[in-house]
C-alpha atoms as a PDB file:
ATOM      1  CA  UNK A   1      97.210  63.398  74.931  1.00  0.00           C
ATOM      2  CA  UNK A   2      95.161  63.042  77.499  1.00  0.00           C
ATOM      3  CA  UNK A   3      95.567  62.058  81.033  1.00  0.00           C
ATOM      4  CA  UNK A   4      92.585  58.983  80.070  1.00  0.00           C
ATOM      5  CA  UNK A   5      93.484  58.172  76.797  1.00  0.00           C
ATOM      6  CA  UNK A   6      97.430  57.364  77.897  1.00  0.00           C
ATOM      7  CA  UNK A   7      95.947  55.237  80.987  1.00  0.00           C
ATOM      8  CA  UNK A   8      93.848  53.505  78.568  1.00  0.00           C
ATOM      9  CA  UNK A   9      96.716  52.670  76.168  1.00  0.00           C
ATOM     10  CA  UNK A  10      98.279  51.154  79.091  1.00  0.00           C
ATOM     11  CA  UNK A  11      95.790  49.103  80.223  1.00  0.00           C
ATOM     12  CA  UNK A  12      95.184  47.287  77.059  1.00  0.00           C
ATOM     13  CA  UNK A  13      98.614  46.904  76.189  1.00  0.00           C
ATOM     14  CA  UNK A  14      98.835  45.263  79.477  1.00  0.00           C
ATOM     15  CA  UNK A  15     101.633  47.307  80.762  1.00  0.00           C
ATOM     16  CA  UNK A  16     102.381  50.445  82.974  1.00  0.00           C
ATOM     17  CA  UNK A  17     104.161  53.442  82.159  1.00  0.00           C
ATOM     18  CA  UNK A  18     106.547  52.571  85.145  1.00  0.00           C
ATOM     19  CA  UNK A  19     106.778  49.122  83.433  1.00  0.00           C
ATOM     20  CA  UNK A  20     106.554  49.270  79.769  1.00  0.00           C
ATOM     21  CA  UNK A  21     109.836  48.120  77.636  1.00  0.00           C
ATOM     22  CA  UNK A  22     110.947  51.072  74.734  1.00  0.00           C
ATOM     23  CA  UNK A  23     109.633  49.185  72.185  1.00  0.00           C
ATOM     24  CA  UNK A  24     105.771  49.126  73.984  1.00  0.00           C
ATOM     25  CA  UNK A  25     106.503  52.658  74.712  1.00  0.00           C
ATOM     26  CA  UNK A  26     107.250  53.075  70.909  1.00  0.00           C
ATOM     27  CA  UNK A  27     104.442  51.279  69.873  1.00  0.00           C
ATOM     28  CA  UNK A  28     101.803  53.495  72.050  1.00  0.00           C
ATOM     29  CA  UNK A  29     103.781  56.535  70.355  1.00  0.00           C
ATOM     30  CA  UNK A  30     102.557  55.772  66.999  1.00  0.00           C
ATOM     31  CA  UNK A  31      98.740  55.306  68.662  1.00  0.00           C
ATOM     32  CA  UNK A  32      99.036  58.986  69.786  1.00  0.00           C
ATOM     33  CA  UNK A  33     101.143  59.691  66.428  1.00  0.00           C
ATOM     34  CA  UNK A  34     103.267  61.100  68.480  1.00  0.00           C
ATOM     35  CA  UNK A  35     107.515  60.667  68.762  1.00  0.00           C
ATOM     36  CA  UNK A  36     109.168  58.528  71.111  1.00  0.00           C
ATOM     37  CA  UNK A  37     110.777  60.993  72.688  1.00  0.00           C
ATOM     38  CA  UNK A  38     107.562  63.568  72.538  1.00  0.00           C
ATOM     39  CA  UNK A  39     105.549  60.476  74.608  1.00  0.00           C
ATOM     40  CA  UNK A  40     108.262  60.326  77.552  1.00  0.00           C
ATOM     41  CA  UNK A  41     108.285  64.120  78.185  1.00  0.00           C
ATOM     42  CA  UNK A  42     104.998  64.098  78.368  1.00  0.00           C
ATOM     43  CA  UNK A  43     104.252  61.277  80.573  1.00  0.00           C
ATOM     44  CA  UNK A  44     106.905  62.904  82.862  1.00  0.00           C
ATOM     45  CA  UNK A  45     106.303  67.015  82.228  1.00  0.00           C
ATOM     46  CA  UNK A  46     102.974  66.902  81.290  1.00  0.00           C
ATOM     47  CA  UNK A  47     100.883  64.501  83.180  1.00  0.00           C
ATOM     48  CA  UNK A  48     103.779  63.034  85.536  1.00  0.00           C
ATOM     49  CA  UNK A  49     102.992  58.866  85.219  1.00  0.00           C
ATOM     50  CA  UNK A  50     106.759  58.817  84.981  1.00  0.00           C
ATOM     51  CA  UNK A  51     109.884  59.799  87.472  1.00  0.00           C
ATOM     52  CA  UNK A  52     112.747  61.668  85.829  1.00  0.00           C
ATOM     53  CA  UNK A  53     114.769  58.625  86.494  1.00  0.00           C
ATOM     54  CA  UNK A  54     112.797  56.437  84.086  1.00  0.00           C
ATOM     55  CA  UNK A  55     111.859  59.302  81.321  1.00  0.00           C
ATOM     56  CA  UNK A  56     116.035  59.483  81.700  1.00  0.00           C
ATOM     57  CA  UNK A  57     116.204  55.325  81.323  1.00  0.00           C
ATOM     58  CA  UNK A  58     113.563  55.415  78.295  1.00  0.00           C
ATOM     59  CA  UNK A  59     115.330  58.012  76.430  1.00  0.00           C
ATOM     60  CA  UNK A  60     118.658  55.964  76.579  1.00  0.00           C
ATOM     61  CA  UNK A  61     116.573  53.711  74.052  1.00  0.00           C
ATOM     62  CA  UNK A  62     116.283  56.177  70.344  1.00  0.00           C
ATOM     63  CA  UNK A  63     114.047  55.862  67.645  1.00  0.00           C
ATOM     64  CA  UNK A  64     116.840  55.371  65.618  1.00  0.00           C
ATOM     65  CA  UNK A  65     117.489  52.390  67.905  1.00  0.00           C
ATOM     66  CA  UNK A  66     114.032  50.986  68.178  1.00  0.00           C
ATOM     67  CA  UNK A  67     113.324  50.860  64.356  1.00  0.00           C
ATOM     68  CA  UNK A  68     116.969  48.804  63.454  1.00  0.00           C
ATOM     69  CA  UNK A  69     115.603  46.364  66.602  1.00  0.00           C
ATOM     70  CA  UNK A  70     111.885  46.155  65.618  1.00  0.00           C
ATOM     71  CA  UNK A  71     112.473  45.823  62.104  1.00  0.00           C
ATOM     72  CA  UNK A  72     116.321  43.960  61.566  1.00  0.00           C
ATOM     73  CA  UNK A  73     117.754  46.504  59.554  1.00  0.00           C
ATOM     74  CA  UNK A  74     119.224  50.008  59.941  1.00  0.00           C
ATOM     75  CA  UNK A  75     116.656  52.084  58.178  1.00  0.00           C
ATOM     76  CA  UNK A  76     116.409  56.006  58.657  1.00  0.00           C
ATOM     77  CA  UNK A  77     112.667  56.142  56.940  1.00  0.00           C
ATOM     78  CA  UNK A  78     109.604  56.609  59.702  1.00  0.00           C
ATOM     79  CA  UNK A  79     108.152  53.567  61.333  1.00  0.00           C
ATOM     80  CA  UNK A  80     104.536  53.396  62.329  1.00  0.00           C
ATOM     81  CA  UNK A  81     103.757  50.143  64.516  1.00  0.00           C
ATOM     82  CA  UNK A  82     100.165  49.153  64.224  1.00  0.00           C
ATOM     83  CA  UNK A  83      98.580  46.606  66.582  1.00  0.00           C
ATOM     84  CA  UNK A  84      95.373  45.165  68.357  1.00  0.00           C
ATOM     85  CA  UNK A  85      95.626  47.708  70.813  1.00  0.00           C
ATOM     86  CA  UNK A  86      95.894  50.365  68.199  1.00  0.00           C
ATOM     87  CA  UNK A  87      92.753  52.705  68.400  1.00  0.00           C
ATOM     88  CA  UNK A  88      92.513  55.217  65.206  1.00  0.00           C
ATOM     89  CA  UNK A  89      90.150  53.553  62.621  1.00  0.00           C
ATOM     90  CA  UNK A  90      92.361  54.800  60.082  1.00  0.00           C
ATOM     91  CA  UNK A  91      96.347  55.328  59.752  1.00  0.00           C
ATOM     92  CA  UNK A  92      97.950  58.045  57.674  1.00  0.00           C
ATOM     93  CA  UNK A  93     101.419  57.014  56.210  1.00  0.00           C
ATOM     94  CA  UNK A  94     103.504  58.935  53.640  1.00  0.00           C
ATOM     95  CA  UNK A  95     105.277  57.125  50.783  1.00  0.00           C
ATOM     96  CA  UNK A  96     108.373  55.536  51.681  1.00  0.00           C
ATOM     97  CA  UNK A  97     107.402  54.782  55.783  1.00  0.00           C
ATOM     98  CA  UNK A  98     107.214  51.374  57.113  1.00  0.00           C
ATOM     99  CA  UNK A  99     104.524  49.819  59.035  1.00  0.00           C
ATOM    100  CA  UNK A 100     105.312  46.794  61.266  1.00  0.00           C
ATOM    101  CA  UNK A 101     102.030  45.116  61.873  1.00  0.00           C
ATOM    102  CA  UNK A 102     101.645  42.957  65.081  1.00  0.00           C
ATOM    103  CA  UNK A 103      97.634  42.244  65.857  1.00  0.00           C
ATOM    104  CA  UNK A 104      95.475  39.793  64.402  1.00  0.00           C
ATOM    105  CA  UNK A 105      92.579  42.194  64.279  1.00  0.00           C
ATOM    106  CA  UNK A 106      94.927  45.018  61.672  1.00  0.00           C
ATOM    107  CA  UNK A 107      92.760  45.257  58.497  1.00  0.00           C
ATOM    108  CA  UNK A 108      93.109  46.645  55.117  1.00  0.00           C
ATOM    109  CA  UNK A 109      90.106  48.454  53.318  1.00  0.00           C
ATOM    110  CA  UNK A 110      87.808  45.627  52.650  1.00  0.00           C
ATOM    111  CA  UNK A 111      88.530  44.497  56.027  1.00  0.00           C
ATOM    112  CA  UNK A 112      91.027  41.986  54.630  1.00  0.00           C
ATOM    113  CA  UNK A 113      93.621  40.884  57.331  1.00  0.00           C
ATOM    114  CA  UNK A 114      97.022  42.144  56.608  1.00  0.00           C
ATOM    115  CA  UNK A 115      99.716  39.487  57.425  1.00  0.00           C
ATOM    116  CA  UNK A 116     101.808  40.031  60.407  1.00  0.00           C
ATOM    117  CA  UNK A 117     105.191  41.851  58.964  1.00  0.00           C
ATOM    118  CA  UNK A 118     107.229  44.234  57.658  1.00  0.00           C
ATOM    119  CA  UNK A 119     105.662  46.556  54.902  1.00  0.00           C
ATOM    120  CA  UNK A 120     106.886  49.676  52.976  1.00  0.00           C
ATOM    121  CA  UNK A 121     104.222  52.173  51.607  1.00  0.00           C
ATOM    122  CA  UNK A 122     105.518  52.766  47.793  1.00  0.00           C
ATOM    123  CA  UNK A 123     103.725  55.176  45.587  1.00  0.00           C
ATOM    124  CA  UNK A 124     102.033  52.259  43.327  1.00  0.00           C
ATOM    125  CA  UNK A 125     100.105  51.658  46.720  1.00  0.00           C
ATOM    126  CA  UNK A 126      99.147  55.052  48.091  1.00  0.00           C
ATOM    127  CA  UNK A 127      96.337  55.142  45.559  1.00  0.00           C
ATOM    128  CA  UNK A 128      95.194  52.138  46.175  1.00  0.00           C
ATOM    129  CA  UNK A 129      95.237  52.059  50.163  1.00  0.00           C
ATOM    130  CA  UNK A 130      97.083  48.328  50.179  1.00  0.00           C
ATOM    131  CA  UNK A 131     100.103  47.172  50.970  1.00  0.00           C
END
């Protein structure tokens, strides 16, 4: 994760590494296609944008707890958060993955807006690229 890319992600999310909530860090980790803990470790050890204390504070929230908080239920399947700040033009999902769409400008194929909410990738939708 390049230093400039990380700074841009925090800037467009209107937060900083020092003030971002665990939910915001989870969304940013989804944007980069890495795990939540990987992002925290990289912010501390790699690019040194957060202190050890901040990294420890953010590590208190586990990905499992964040999935439950964001989805409103306990799930073991992966969750990908997509919002207006996501920079990737496409999203690679496996069958069974949950996707949480939060932005006004998140589109499915043929530029149809996706409604806010939670969807789950199923085999029936896999070939049609729809949710």
